[in-house]
Amino acid sequence: MQYLYLVLFAFLLSTGQILFKKAALVDQGGGLFAALTNYWLLLALILYAIATVLWIWLLRTVPLSIAYPFTALGFILVPLAATLVFGEELGWRFAIGSFLVITGIVVINT
């Protein structure tokens, strides 16, 4: 069950990154107040807060050497989400790199 929560953690962080990008694309004239009223930014921060609480809870039961490699899933999830949300393109190098990242996570956790 811990592995499911570790994957959930990676999804939360990845979604937060997409929301940060959405926040960056909103032109609100700059300034601190504009940033604080950017609902994409606020949503990203809330998601990161939830992810942080989940991470701390996970570290109570999972060794850091096992848990931390799951953060590398973000290297796969964020670009995949960017293709869906922002229309960014990925090439064959991304596919090879993703395979290597997943292989590394599997090797570390077996």
PDB file of N, CA and C in Angstrom:
ATOM      1  N   MET A   1       0.829  -1.203   0.000  1.00  0.00           N
ATOM      2  CA  MET A   1       0.000   0.000   0.000  1.00  0.00           C
ATOM      3  C   MET A   1       0.869   1.260   0.000  1.00  0.00           C
ATOM      4  N   GLN A   2       2.065   1.169   0.623  1.00  0.00           N
ATOM      5  CA  GLN A   2       2.964   2.319   0.672  1.00  0.00           C
ATOM      6  C   GLN A   2       3.353   2.765  -0.735  1.00  0.00           C
ATOM      7  N   TYR A   3       3.532   1.792  -1.640  1.00  0.00           N
ATOM      8  CA  TYR A   3       3.923   2.142  -3.007  1.00  0.00           C
ATOM      9  C   TYR A   3       2.830   2.949  -3.701  1.00  0.00           C
ATOM     10  N   LEU A   4       1.592   2.624  -3.413  1.00  0.00           N
ATOM     11  CA  LEU A   4       0.481   3.388  -3.975  1.00  0.00           C
ATOM     12  C   LEU A   4       0.521   4.835  -3.475  1.00  0.00           C
ATOM     13  N   TYR A   5       0.808   5.012  -2.204  1.00  0.00           N
ATOM     14  CA  TYR A   5       0.910   6.358  -1.643  1.00  0.00           C
ATOM     15  C   TYR A   5       2.123   7.104  -2.196  1.00  0.00           C
ATOM     16  N   LEU A   6       3.196   6.390  -2.456  1.00  0.00           N
ATOM     17  CA  LEU A   6       4.374   7.026  -3.054  1.00  0.00           C
ATOM     18  C   LEU A   6       4.074   7.511  -4.467  1.00  0.00           C
ATOM     19  N   VAL A   7       3.329   6.721  -5.213  1.00  0.00           N
ATOM     20  CA  VAL A   7       2.925   7.142  -6.568  1.00  0.00           C
ATOM     21  C   VAL A   7       1.956   8.324  -6.470  1.00  0.00           C
ATOM     22  N   LEU A   8       1.039   8.285  -5.520  1.00  0.00           N
ATOM     23  CA  LEU A   8       0.126   9.408  -5.298  1.00  0.00           C
ATOM     24  C   LEU A   8       0.913  10.679  -4.988  1.00  0.00           C
ATOM     25  N   PHE A   9       1.937  10.555  -4.148  1.00  0.00           N
ATOM     26  CA  PHE A   9       2.794  11.698  -3.832  1.00  0.00           C
ATOM     27  C   PHE A   9       3.417  12.280  -5.105  1.00  0.00           C
ATOM     28  N   ALA A  10       3.924  11.405  -5.972  1.00  0.00           N
ATOM     29  CA  ALA A  10       4.522  11.867  -7.230  1.00  0.00           C
ATOM     30  C   ALA A  10       3.482  12.574  -8.104  1.00  0.00           C
ATOM     31  N   PHE A  11       2.255  12.056  -8.127  1.00  0.00           N
ATOM     32  CA  PHE A  11       1.189  12.697  -8.899  1.00  0.00           C
ATOM     33  C   PHE A  11       0.832  14.068  -8.326  1.00  0.00           C
ATOM     34  N   LEU A  12       0.790  14.180  -7.015  1.00  0.00           N
ATOM     35  CA  LEU A  12       0.488  15.470  -6.394  1.00  0.00           C
ATOM     36  C   LEU A  12       1.540  16.509  -6.743  1.00  0.00           C
ATOM     37  N   LEU A  13       2.815  16.123  -6.642  1.00  0.00           N
ATOM     38  CA  LEU A  13       3.890  17.061  -6.987  1.00  0.00           C
ATOM     39  C   LEU A  13       3.837  17.446  -8.462  1.00  0.00           C
ATOM     40  N   SER A  14       3.582  16.478  -9.313  1.00  0.00           N
ATOM     41  CA  SER A  14       3.526  16.743 -10.748  1.00  0.00           C
ATOM     42  C   SER A  14       2.362  17.662 -11.101  1.00  0.00           C
ATOM     43  N   THR A  15       1.227  17.418 -10.497  1.00  0.00           N
ATOM     44  CA  THR A  15       0.073  18.287 -10.722  1.00  0.00           C
ATOM     45  C   THR A  15       0.367  19.693 -10.226  1.00  0.00           C
ATOM     46  N   GLY A  16       1.047  19.787  -9.091  1.00  0.00           N
ATOM     47  CA  GLY A  16       1.447  21.095  -8.583  1.00  0.00           C
ATOM     48  C   GLY A  16       2.333  21.835  -9.573  1.00  0.00           C
ATOM     49  N   GLN A  17       3.239  21.138 -10.218  1.00  0.00           N
ATOM     50  CA  GLN A  17       4.113  21.777 -11.209  1.00  0.00           C
ATOM     51  C   GLN A  17       3.312  22.313 -12.393  1.00  0.00           C
ATOM     52  N   ILE A  18       2.333  21.554 -12.834  1.00  0.00           N
ATOM     53  CA  ILE A  18       1.480  22.017 -13.939  1.00  0.00           C
ATOM     54  C   ILE A  18       0.704  23.255 -13.515  1.00  0.00           C
ATOM     55  N   LEU A  19       0.220  23.258 -12.282  1.00  0.00           N
ATOM     56  CA  LEU A  19      -0.507  24.425 -11.784  1.00  0.00           C
ATOM     57  C   LEU A  19       0.404  25.638 -11.637  1.00  0.00           C
ATOM     58  N   PHE A  20       1.665  25.420 -11.237  1.00  0.00           N
ATOM     59  CA  PHE A  20       2.620  26.536 -11.182  1.00  0.00           C
ATOM     60  C   PHE A  20       2.826  27.134 -12.572  1.00  0.00           C
ATOM     61  N   LYS A  21       2.908  26.283 -13.591  1.00  0.00           N
ATOM     62  CA  LYS A  21       3.066  26.774 -14.962  1.00  0.00           C
ATOM     63  C   LYS A  21       1.827  27.565 -15.377  1.00  0.00           C
ATOM     64  N   LYS A  22       0.627  27.051 -15.048  1.00  0.00           N
ATOM     65  CA  LYS A  22      -0.602  27.784 -15.360  1.00  0.00           C
ATOM     66  C   LYS A  22      -0.598  29.143 -14.668  1.00  0.00           C
ATOM     67  N   ALA A  23      -0.137  29.176 -13.416  1.00  0.00           N
ATOM     68  CA  ALA A  23      -0.070  30.434 -12.676  1.00  0.00           C
ATOM     69  C   ALA A  23       0.896  31.396 -13.344  1.00  0.00           C
ATOM     70  N   ALA A  24       2.002  30.872 -13.843  1.00  0.00           N
ATOM     71  CA  ALA A  24       3.005  31.725 -14.485  1.00  0.00           C
ATOM     72  C   ALA A  24       2.485  32.328 -15.786  1.00  0.00           C
ATOM     73  N   LEU A  25       1.540  31.669 -16.421  1.00  0.00           N
ATOM     74  CA  LEU A  25       1.016  32.152 -17.697  1.00  0.00           C
ATOM     75  C   LEU A  25      -0.092  33.187 -17.541  1.00  0.00           C
ATOM     76  N   VAL A  26      -0.583  33.359 -16.306  1.00  0.00           N
ATOM     77  CA  VAL A  26      -1.630  34.343 -16.056  1.00  0.00           C
ATOM     78  C   VAL A  26      -0.974  35.711 -15.913  1.00  0.00           C
ATOM     79  N   ASP A  27      -1.400  36.642 -16.748  1.00  0.00           N
ATOM     80  CA  ASP A  27      -0.857  37.996 -16.672  1.00  0.00           C
ATOM     81  C   ASP A  27      -1.756  38.836 -15.777  1.00  0.00           C
ATOM     82  N   GLN A  28      -1.270  39.073 -14.545  1.00  0.00           N
ATOM     83  CA  GLN A  28      -2.054  39.865 -13.604  1.00  0.00           C
ATOM     84  C   GLN A  28      -1.356  41.168 -13.247  1.00  0.00           C
ATOM     85  N   GLY A  29      -0.423  41.594 -14.046  1.00  0.00           N
ATOM     86  CA  GLY A  29       0.227  42.866 -13.811  1.00  0.00           C
ATOM     87  C   GLY A  29       1.345  42.835 -12.793  1.00  0.00           C
ATOM     88  N   GLY A  30       1.659  41.706 -12.246  1.00  0.00           N
ATOM     89  CA  GLY A  30       2.776  41.596 -11.311  1.00  0.00           C
ATOM     90  C   GLY A  30       2.423  42.078  -9.915  1.00  0.00           C
ATOM     91  N   GLY A  31       3.387  42.020  -9.056  1.00  0.00           N
ATOM     92  CA  GLY A  31       3.212  42.451  -7.680  1.00  0.00           C
ATOM     93  C   GLY A  31       2.766  41.317  -6.776  1.00  0.00           C
ATOM     94  N   LEU A  32       2.991  41.511  -5.500  1.00  0.00           N
ATOM     95  CA  LEU A  32       2.680  40.490  -4.505  1.00  0.00           C
ATOM     96  C   LEU A  32       1.178  40.222  -4.421  1.00  0.00           C
ATOM     97  N   PHE A  33       0.385  41.268  -4.409  1.00  0.00           N
ATOM     98  CA  PHE A  33      -1.054  41.072  -4.296  1.00  0.00           C
ATOM     99  C   PHE A  33      -1.601  40.292  -5.485  1.00  0.00           C
ATOM    100  N   ALA A  34      -1.104  40.592  -6.679  1.00  0.00           N
ATOM    101  CA  ALA A  34      -1.549  39.865  -7.878  1.00  0.00           C
ATOM    102  C   ALA A  34      -1.191  38.389  -7.759  1.00  0.00           C
ATOM    103  N   ALA A  35      -0.010  38.105  -7.256  1.00  0.00           N
ATOM    104  CA  ALA A  35       0.395  36.705  -7.084  1.00  0.00           C
ATOM    105  C   ALA A  35      -0.498  35.997  -6.080  1.00  0.00           C
ATOM    106  N   LEU A  36      -0.849  36.685  -5.017  1.00  0.00           N
ATOM    107  CA  LEU A  36      -1.675  36.069  -3.975  1.00  0.00           C
ATOM    108  C   LEU A  36      -3.121  35.870  -4.407  1.00  0.00           C
ATOM    109  N   THR A  37      -3.547  36.565  -5.438  1.00  0.00           N
ATOM    110  CA  THR A  37      -4.911  36.394  -5.937  1.00  0.00           C
ATOM    111  C   THR A  37      -4.960  35.490  -7.165  1.00  0.00           C
ATOM    112  N   ASN A  38      -3.842  34.942  -7.545  1.00  0.00           N
ATOM    113  CA  ASN A  38      -3.786  34.013  -8.669  1.00  0.00           C
ATOM    114  C   ASN A  38      -4.249  32.651  -8.170  1.00  0.00           C
ATOM    115  N   TYR A  39      -5.460  32.251  -8.553  1.00  0.00           N
ATOM    116  CA  TYR A  39      -6.013  31.013  -8.008  1.00  0.00           C
ATOM    117  C   TYR A  39      -5.227  29.779  -8.445  1.00  0.00           C
ATOM    118  N   TRP A  40      -4.556  29.821  -9.596  1.00  0.00           N
ATOM    119  CA  TRP A  40      -3.702  28.686  -9.995  1.00  0.00           C
ATOM    120  C   TRP A  40      -2.539  28.528  -9.011  1.00  0.00           C
ATOM    121  N   LEU A  41      -1.967  29.651  -8.615  1.00  0.00           N
ATOM    122  CA  LEU A  41      -0.867  29.605  -7.655  1.00  0.00           C
ATOM    123  C   LEU A  41      -1.356  29.110  -6.298  1.00  0.00           C
ATOM    124  N   LEU A  42      -2.482  29.609  -5.847  1.00  0.00           N
ATOM    125  CA  LEU A  42      -3.020  29.174  -4.557  1.00  0.00           C
ATOM    126  C   LEU A  42      -3.345  27.682  -4.564  1.00  0.00           C
ATOM    127  N   LEU A  43      -3.919  27.210  -5.665  1.00  0.00           N
ATOM    128  CA  LEU A  43      -4.230  25.789  -5.773  1.00  0.00           C
ATOM    129  C   LEU A  43      -2.949  24.945  -5.765  1.00  0.00           C
ATOM    130  N   ALA A  44      -1.921  25.410  -6.462  1.00  0.00           N
ATOM    131  CA  ALA A  44      -0.639  24.697  -6.476  1.00  0.00           C
ATOM    132  C   ALA A  44      -0.038  24.635  -5.077  1.00  0.00           C
ATOM    133  N   LEU A  45      -0.090  25.727  -4.353  1.00  0.00           N
ATOM    134  CA  LEU A  45       0.456  25.752  -2.994  1.00  0.00           C
ATOM    135  C   LEU A  45      -0.314  24.829  -2.048  1.00  0.00           C
ATOM    136  N   ILE A  46      -1.636  24.794  -2.200  1.00  0.00           N
ATOM    137  CA  ILE A  46      -2.446  23.888  -1.380  1.00  0.00           C
ATOM    138  C   ILE A  46      -2.086  22.434  -1.698  1.00  0.00           C
ATOM    139  N   LEU A  47      -1.935  22.146  -2.979  1.00  0.00           N
ATOM    140  CA  LEU A  47      -1.566  20.787  -3.381  1.00  0.00           C
ATOM    141  C   LEU A  47      -0.198  20.402  -2.836  1.00  0.00           C
ATOM    142  N   TYR A  48       0.736  21.337  -2.876  1.00  0.00           N
ATOM    143  CA  TYR A  48       2.064  21.073  -2.319  1.00  0.00           C
ATOM    144  C   TYR A  48       2.007  20.876  -0.808  1.00  0.00           C
ATOM    145  N   ALA A  49       1.131  21.580  -0.136  1.00  0.00           N
ATOM    146  CA  ALA A  49       0.974  21.393   1.307  1.00  0.00           C
ATOM    147  C   ALA A  49       0.443  19.990   1.607  1.00  0.00           C
ATOM    148  N   ILE A  50      -0.533  19.557   0.835  1.00  0.00           N
ATOM    149  CA  ILE A  50      -1.073  18.208   1.003  1.00  0.00           C
ATOM    150  C   ILE A  50       0.020  17.174   0.722  1.00  0.00           C
ATOM    151  N   ALA A  51       0.781  17.383  -0.345  1.00  0.00           N
ATOM    152  CA  ALA A  51       1.867  16.462  -0.693  1.00  0.00           C
ATOM    153  C   ALA A  51       2.916  16.408   0.414  1.00  0.00           C
ATOM    154  N   THR A  52       3.204  17.540   1.030  1.00  0.00           N
ATOM    155  CA  THR A  52       4.189  17.588   2.109  1.00  0.00           C
ATOM    156  C   THR A  52       3.720  16.778   3.315  1.00  0.00           C
ATOM    157  N   VAL A  53       2.461  16.919   3.662  1.00  0.00           N
ATOM    158  CA  VAL A  53       1.915  16.145   4.782  1.00  0.00           C
ATOM    159  C   VAL A  53       1.960  14.652   4.457  1.00  0.00           C
ATOM    160  N   LEU A  54       1.593  14.291   3.241  1.00  0.00           N
ATOM    161  CA  LEU A  54       1.666  12.895   2.815  1.00  0.00           C
ATOM    162  C   LEU A  54       3.100  12.376   2.868  1.00  0.00           C
ATOM    163  N   TRP A  55       4.045  13.187   2.416  1.00  0.00           N
ATOM    164  CA  TRP A  55       5.460  12.797   2.424  1.00  0.00           C
ATOM    165  C   TRP A  55       5.956  12.531   3.841  1.00  0.00           C
ATOM    166  N   ILE A  56       5.629  13.409   4.748  1.00  0.00           N
ATOM    167  CA  ILE A  56       6.048  13.232   6.147  1.00  0.00           C
ATOM    168  C   ILE A  56       5.428  11.960   6.722  1.00  0.00           C
ATOM    169  N   TRP A  57       4.167  11.724   6.416  1.00  0.00           N
ATOM    170  CA  TRP A  57       3.507  10.504   6.884  1.00  0.00           C
ATOM    171  C   TRP A  57       4.186   9.267   6.293  1.00  0.00           C
ATOM    172  N   LEU A  58       4.523   9.317   5.003  1.00  0.00           N
ATOM    173  CA  LEU A  58       5.195   8.185   4.360  1.00  0.00           C
ATOM    174  C   LEU A  58       6.555   7.898   4.984  1.00  0.00           C
ATOM    175  N   LEU A  59       7.277   8.953   5.309  1.00  0.00           N
ATOM    176  CA  LEU A  59       8.625   8.767   5.846  1.00  0.00           C
ATOM    177  C   LEU A  59       8.613   8.137   7.241  1.00  0.00           C
ATOM    178  N   ARG A  60       7.468   8.095   7.875  1.00  0.00           N
ATOM    179  CA  ARG A  60       7.361   7.395   9.165  1.00  0.00           C
ATOM    180  C   ARG A  60       7.470   5.888   8.985  1.00  0.00           C
ATOM    181  N   THR A  61       7.067   5.399   7.808  1.00  0.00           N
ATOM    182  CA  THR A  61       7.018   3.949   7.605  1.00  0.00           C
ATOM    183  C   THR A  61       7.915   3.442   6.483  1.00  0.00           C
ATOM    184  N   VAL A  62       8.355   4.328   5.613  1.00  0.00           N
ATOM    185  CA  VAL A  62       9.163   3.909   4.462  1.00  0.00           C
ATOM    186  C   VAL A  62      10.557   4.529   4.588  1.00  0.00           C
ATOM    187  N   PRO A  63      11.602   3.724   4.425  1.00  0.00           N
ATOM    188  CA  PRO A  63      12.949   4.294   4.456  1.00  0.00           C
ATOM    189  C   PRO A  63      13.130   5.339   3.343  1.00  0.00           C
ATOM    190  N   LEU A  64      13.832   6.386   3.646  1.00  0.00           N
ATOM    191  CA  LEU A  64      14.066   7.450   2.665  1.00  0.00           C
ATOM    192  C   LEU A  64      14.736   6.912   1.408  1.00  0.00           C
ATOM    193  N   SER A  65      15.613   5.937   1.556  1.00  0.00           N
ATOM    194  CA  SER A  65      16.305   5.369   0.401  1.00  0.00           C
ATOM    195  C   SER A  65      15.351   4.634  -0.542  1.00  0.00           C
ATOM    196  N   ILE A  66      14.204   4.216  -0.029  1.00  0.00           N
ATOM    197  CA  ILE A  66      13.176   3.578  -0.862  1.00  0.00           C
ATOM    198  C   ILE A  66      12.202   4.629  -1.397  1.00  0.00           C
ATOM    199  N   ALA A  67      11.807   5.565  -0.556  1.00  0.00           N
ATOM    200  CA  ALA A  67      10.789   6.556  -0.919  1.00  0.00           C
ATOM    201  C   ALA A  67      11.301   7.592  -1.921  1.00  0.00           C
ATOM    202  N   TYR A  68      12.512   8.078  -1.710  1.00  0.00           N
ATOM    203  CA  TYR A  68      12.980   9.222  -2.500  1.00  0.00           C
ATOM    204  C   TYR A  68      13.035   8.967  -4.003  1.00  0.00           C
ATOM    205  N   PRO A  69      13.425   7.785  -4.462  1.00  0.00           N
ATOM    206  CA  PRO A  69      13.434   7.579  -5.920  1.00  0.00           C
ATOM    207  C   PRO A  69      12.079   7.794  -6.595  1.00  0.00           C
ATOM    208  N   PHE A  70      10.994   7.686  -5.841  1.00  0.00           N
ATOM    209  CA  PHE A  70       9.679   7.915  -6.439  1.00  0.00           C
ATOM    210  C   PHE A  70       9.476   9.372  -6.859  1.00  0.00           C
ATOM    211  N   THR A  71      10.249  10.267  -6.290  1.00  0.00           N
ATOM    212  CA  THR A  71      10.141  11.660  -6.734  1.00  0.00           C
ATOM    213  C   THR A  71      10.583  11.800  -8.187  1.00  0.00           C
ATOM    214  N   ALA A  72      11.403  10.851  -8.665  1.00  0.00           N
ATOM    215  CA  ALA A  72      11.852  10.880 -10.058  1.00  0.00           C
ATOM    216  C   ALA A  72      10.709  10.627 -11.033  1.00  0.00           C
ATOM    217  N   LEU A  73       9.601  10.093 -10.548  1.00  0.00           N
ATOM    218  CA  LEU A  73       8.441   9.925 -11.427  1.00  0.00           C
ATOM    219  C   LEU A  73       7.971  11.264 -11.981  1.00  0.00           C
ATOM    220  N   GLY A  74       8.253  12.327 -11.248  1.00  0.00           N
ATOM    221  CA  GLY A  74       7.903  13.662 -11.736  1.00  0.00           C
ATOM    222  C   GLY A  74       8.593  13.998 -13.044  1.00  0.00           C
ATOM    223  N   PHE A  75       9.784  13.432 -13.272  1.00  0.00           N
ATOM    224  CA  PHE A  75      10.501  13.668 -14.527  1.00  0.00           C
ATOM    225  C   PHE A  75       9.738  13.083 -15.712  1.00  0.00           C
ATOM    226  N   ILE A  76       8.840  12.155 -15.428  1.00  0.00           N
ATOM    227  CA  ILE A  76       8.017  11.545 -16.474  1.00  0.00           C
ATOM    228  C   ILE A  76       6.631  12.181 -16.500  1.00  0.00           C
ATOM    229  N   LEU A  77       6.032  12.309 -15.319  1.00  0.00           N
ATOM    230  CA  LEU A  77       4.652  12.784 -15.242  1.00  0.00           C
ATOM    231  C   LEU A  77       4.477  14.233 -15.678  1.00  0.00           C
ATOM    232  N   VAL A  78       5.397  15.097 -15.292  1.00  0.00           N
ATOM    233  CA  VAL A  78       5.254  16.521 -15.635  1.00  0.00           C
ATOM    234  C   VAL A  78       5.321  16.735 -17.148  1.00  0.00           C
ATOM    235  N   PRO A  79       6.323  16.207 -17.854  1.00  0.00           N
ATOM    236  CA  PRO A  79       6.317  16.388 -19.308  1.00  0.00           C
ATOM    237  C   PRO A  79       5.103  15.757 -20.002  1.00  0.00           C
ATOM    238  N   LEU A  80       4.652  14.588 -19.517  1.00  0.00           N
ATOM    239  CA  LEU A  80       3.451  13.985 -20.100  1.00  0.00           C
ATOM    240  C   LEU A  80       2.248  14.895 -19.921  1.00  0.00           C
ATOM    241  N   ALA A  81       2.086  15.433 -18.726  1.00  0.00           N
ATOM    242  CA  ALA A  81       0.970  16.351 -18.470  1.00  0.00           C
ATOM    243  C   ALA A  81       1.115  17.629 -19.292  1.00  0.00           C
ATOM    244  N   ALA A  82       2.346  18.081 -19.482  1.00  0.00           N
ATOM    245  CA  ALA A  82       2.582  19.294 -20.273  1.00  0.00           C
ATOM    246  C   ALA A  82       2.158  19.093 -21.724  1.00  0.00           C
ATOM    247  N   THR A  83       2.272  17.882 -22.234  1.00  0.00           N
ATOM    248  CA  THR A  83       1.809  17.628 -23.596  1.00  0.00           C
ATOM    249  C   THR A  83       0.292  17.730 -23.675  1.00  0.00           C
ATOM    250  N   LEU A  84      -0.385  17.265 -22.625  1.00  0.00           N
ATOM    251  CA  LEU A  84      -1.849  17.309 -22.618  1.00  0.00           C
ATOM    252  C   LEU A  84      -2.391  18.708 -22.351  1.00  0.00           C
ATOM    253  N   VAL A  85      -1.787  19.397 -21.397  1.00  0.00           N
ATOM    254  CA  VAL A  85      -2.317  20.693 -20.959  1.00  0.00           C
ATOM    255  C   VAL A  85      -1.820  21.852 -21.823  1.00  0.00           C
ATOM    256  N   PHE A  86      -0.544  21.818 -22.192  1.00  0.00           N
ATOM    257  CA  PHE A  86       0.059  22.950 -22.896  1.00  0.00           C
ATOM    258  C   PHE A  86       0.429  22.649 -24.349  1.00  0.00           C
ATOM    259  N   GLY A  87       0.229  21.421 -24.783  1.00  0.00           N
ATOM    260  CA  GLY A  87       0.548  21.062 -26.161  1.00  0.00           C
ATOM    261  C   GLY A  87       2.031  20.949 -26.446  1.00  0.00           C
ATOM    262  N   GLU A  88       2.835  20.758 -25.404  1.00  0.00           N
ATOM    263  CA  GLU A  88       4.278  20.609 -25.609  1.00  0.00           C
ATOM    264  C   GLU A  88       4.557  19.266 -26.280  1.00  0.00           C
ATOM    265  N   GLU A  89       5.673  19.185 -26.992  1.00  0.00           N
ATOM    266  CA  GLU A  89       6.014  17.969 -27.717  1.00  0.00           C
ATOM    267  C   GLU A  89       7.129  17.210 -27.017  1.00  0.00           C
ATOM    268  N   LEU A  90       7.032  15.885 -27.119  1.00  0.00           N
ATOM    269  CA  LEU A  90       8.055  15.003 -26.558  1.00  0.00           C
ATOM    270  C   LEU A  90       8.592  14.119 -27.682  1.00  0.00           C
ATOM    271  N   GLY A  91       9.869  13.762 -27.571  1.00  0.00           N
ATOM    272  CA  GLY A  91      10.477  12.938 -28.607  1.00  0.00           C
ATOM    273  C   GLY A  91      10.865  11.568 -28.099  1.00  0.00           C
ATOM    274  N   TRP A  92      11.575  10.860 -28.942  1.00  0.00           N
ATOM    275  CA  TRP A  92      12.006   9.504 -28.596  1.00  0.00           C
ATOM    276  C   TRP A  92      12.985   9.502 -27.429  1.00  0.00           C
ATOM    277  N   ARG A  93      13.737  10.571 -27.245  1.00  0.00           N
ATOM    278  CA  ARG A  93      14.666  10.637 -26.118  1.00  0.00           C
ATOM    279  C   ARG A  93      13.916  10.640 -24.793  1.00  0.00           C
ATOM    280  N   PHE A  94      12.763  11.289 -24.788  1.00  0.00           N
ATOM    281  CA  PHE A  94      11.933  11.276 -23.582  1.00  0.00           C
ATOM    282  C   PHE A  94      11.480   9.852 -23.275  1.00  0.00           C
ATOM    283  N   ALA A  95      11.070   9.122 -24.298  1.00  0.00           N
ATOM    284  CA  ALA A  95      10.628   7.741 -24.098  1.00  0.00           C
ATOM    285  C   ALA A  95      11.756   6.878 -23.531  1.00  0.00           C
ATOM    286  N   ILE A  96      12.937   7.006 -24.074  1.00  0.00           N
ATOM    287  CA  ILE A  96      14.080   6.234 -23.581  1.00  0.00           C
ATOM    288  C   ILE A  96      14.420   6.638 -22.152  1.00  0.00           C
ATOM    289  N   GLY A  97      14.466   7.933 -21.891  1.00  0.00           N
ATOM    290  CA  GLY A  97      14.751   8.418 -20.539  1.00  0.00           C
ATOM    291  C   GLY A  97      13.712   7.959 -19.534  1.00  0.00           C
ATOM    292  N   SER A  98      12.447   7.983 -19.925  1.00  0.00           N
ATOM    293  CA  SER A  98      11.372   7.533 -19.039  1.00  0.00           C
ATOM    294  C   SER A  98      11.532   6.054 -18.714  1.00  0.00           C
ATOM    295  N   PHE A  99      11.870   5.273 -19.727  1.00  0.00           N
ATOM    296  CA  PHE A  99      12.105   3.848 -19.501  1.00  0.00           C
ATOM    297  C   PHE A  99      13.238   3.644 -18.492  1.00  0.00           C
ATOM    298  N   LEU A 100      14.302   4.414 -18.637  1.00  0.00           N
ATOM    299  CA  LEU A 100      15.434   4.284 -17.727  1.00  0.00           C
ATOM    300  C   LEU A 100      15.068   4.700 -16.302  1.00  0.00           C
ATOM    301  N   VAL A 101      14.287   5.767 -16.162  1.00  0.00           N
ATOM    302  CA  VAL A 101      13.866   6.215 -14.832  1.00  0.00           C
ATOM    303  C   VAL A 101      13.020   5.140 -14.159  1.00  0.00           C
ATOM    304  N   ILE A 102      12.046   4.617 -14.883  1.00  0.00           N
ATOM    305  CA  ILE A 102      11.177   3.576 -14.306  1.00  0.00           C
ATOM    306  C   ILE A 102      11.983   2.328 -13.978  1.00  0.00           C
ATOM    307  N   THR A 103      12.910   1.956 -14.866  1.00  0.00           N
ATOM    308  CA  THR A 103      13.764   0.808 -14.598  1.00  0.00           C
ATOM    309  C   THR A 103      14.588   1.039 -13.336  1.00  0.00           C
ATOM    310  N   GLY A 104      15.106   2.225 -13.173  1.00  0.00           N
ATOM    311  CA  GLY A 104      15.886   2.543 -11.974  1.00  0.00           C
ATOM    312  C   GLY A 104      15.063   2.435 -10.705  1.00  0.00           C
ATOM    313  N   ILE A 105      13.844   2.929 -10.746  1.00  0.00           N
ATOM    314  CA  ILE A 105      12.974   2.850  -9.569  1.00  0.00           C
ATOM    315  C   ILE A 105      12.666   1.392  -9.233  1.00  0.00           C
ATOM    316  N   VAL A 106      12.406   0.594 -10.260  1.00  0.00           N
ATOM    317  CA  VAL A 106      12.136  -0.824 -10.029  1.00  0.00           C
ATOM    318  C   VAL A 106      13.359  -1.521  -9.448  1.00  0.00           C
ATOM    319  N   VAL A 107      14.543  -1.246 -10.011  1.00  0.00           N
ATOM    320  CA  VAL A 107      15.761  -1.889  -9.523  1.00  0.00           C
ATOM    321  C   VAL A 107      16.014  -1.513  -8.065  1.00  0.00           C
ATOM    322  N   ILE A 108      15.853  -0.247  -7.734  1.00  0.00           N
ATOM    323  CA  ILE A 108      16.098   0.205  -6.358  1.00  0.00           C
ATOM    324  C   ILE A 108      15.128  -0.446  -5.378  1.00  0.00           C
ATOM    325  N   ASN A 109      13.896  -0.678  -5.822  1.00  0.00           N
ATOM    326  CA  ASN A 109      12.861  -1.187  -4.909  1.00  0.00           C
ATOM    327  C   ASN A 109      12.657  -2.693  -4.960  1.00  0.00           C
ATOM    328  N   THR A 110      13.567  -3.418  -5.601  1.00  0.00           N
ATOM    329  CA  THR A 110      13.443  -4.884  -5.598  1.00  0.00           C
ATOM    330  C   THR A 110      14.610  -5.510  -4.866  1.00  0.00           C
TER     331      THR A 110
END
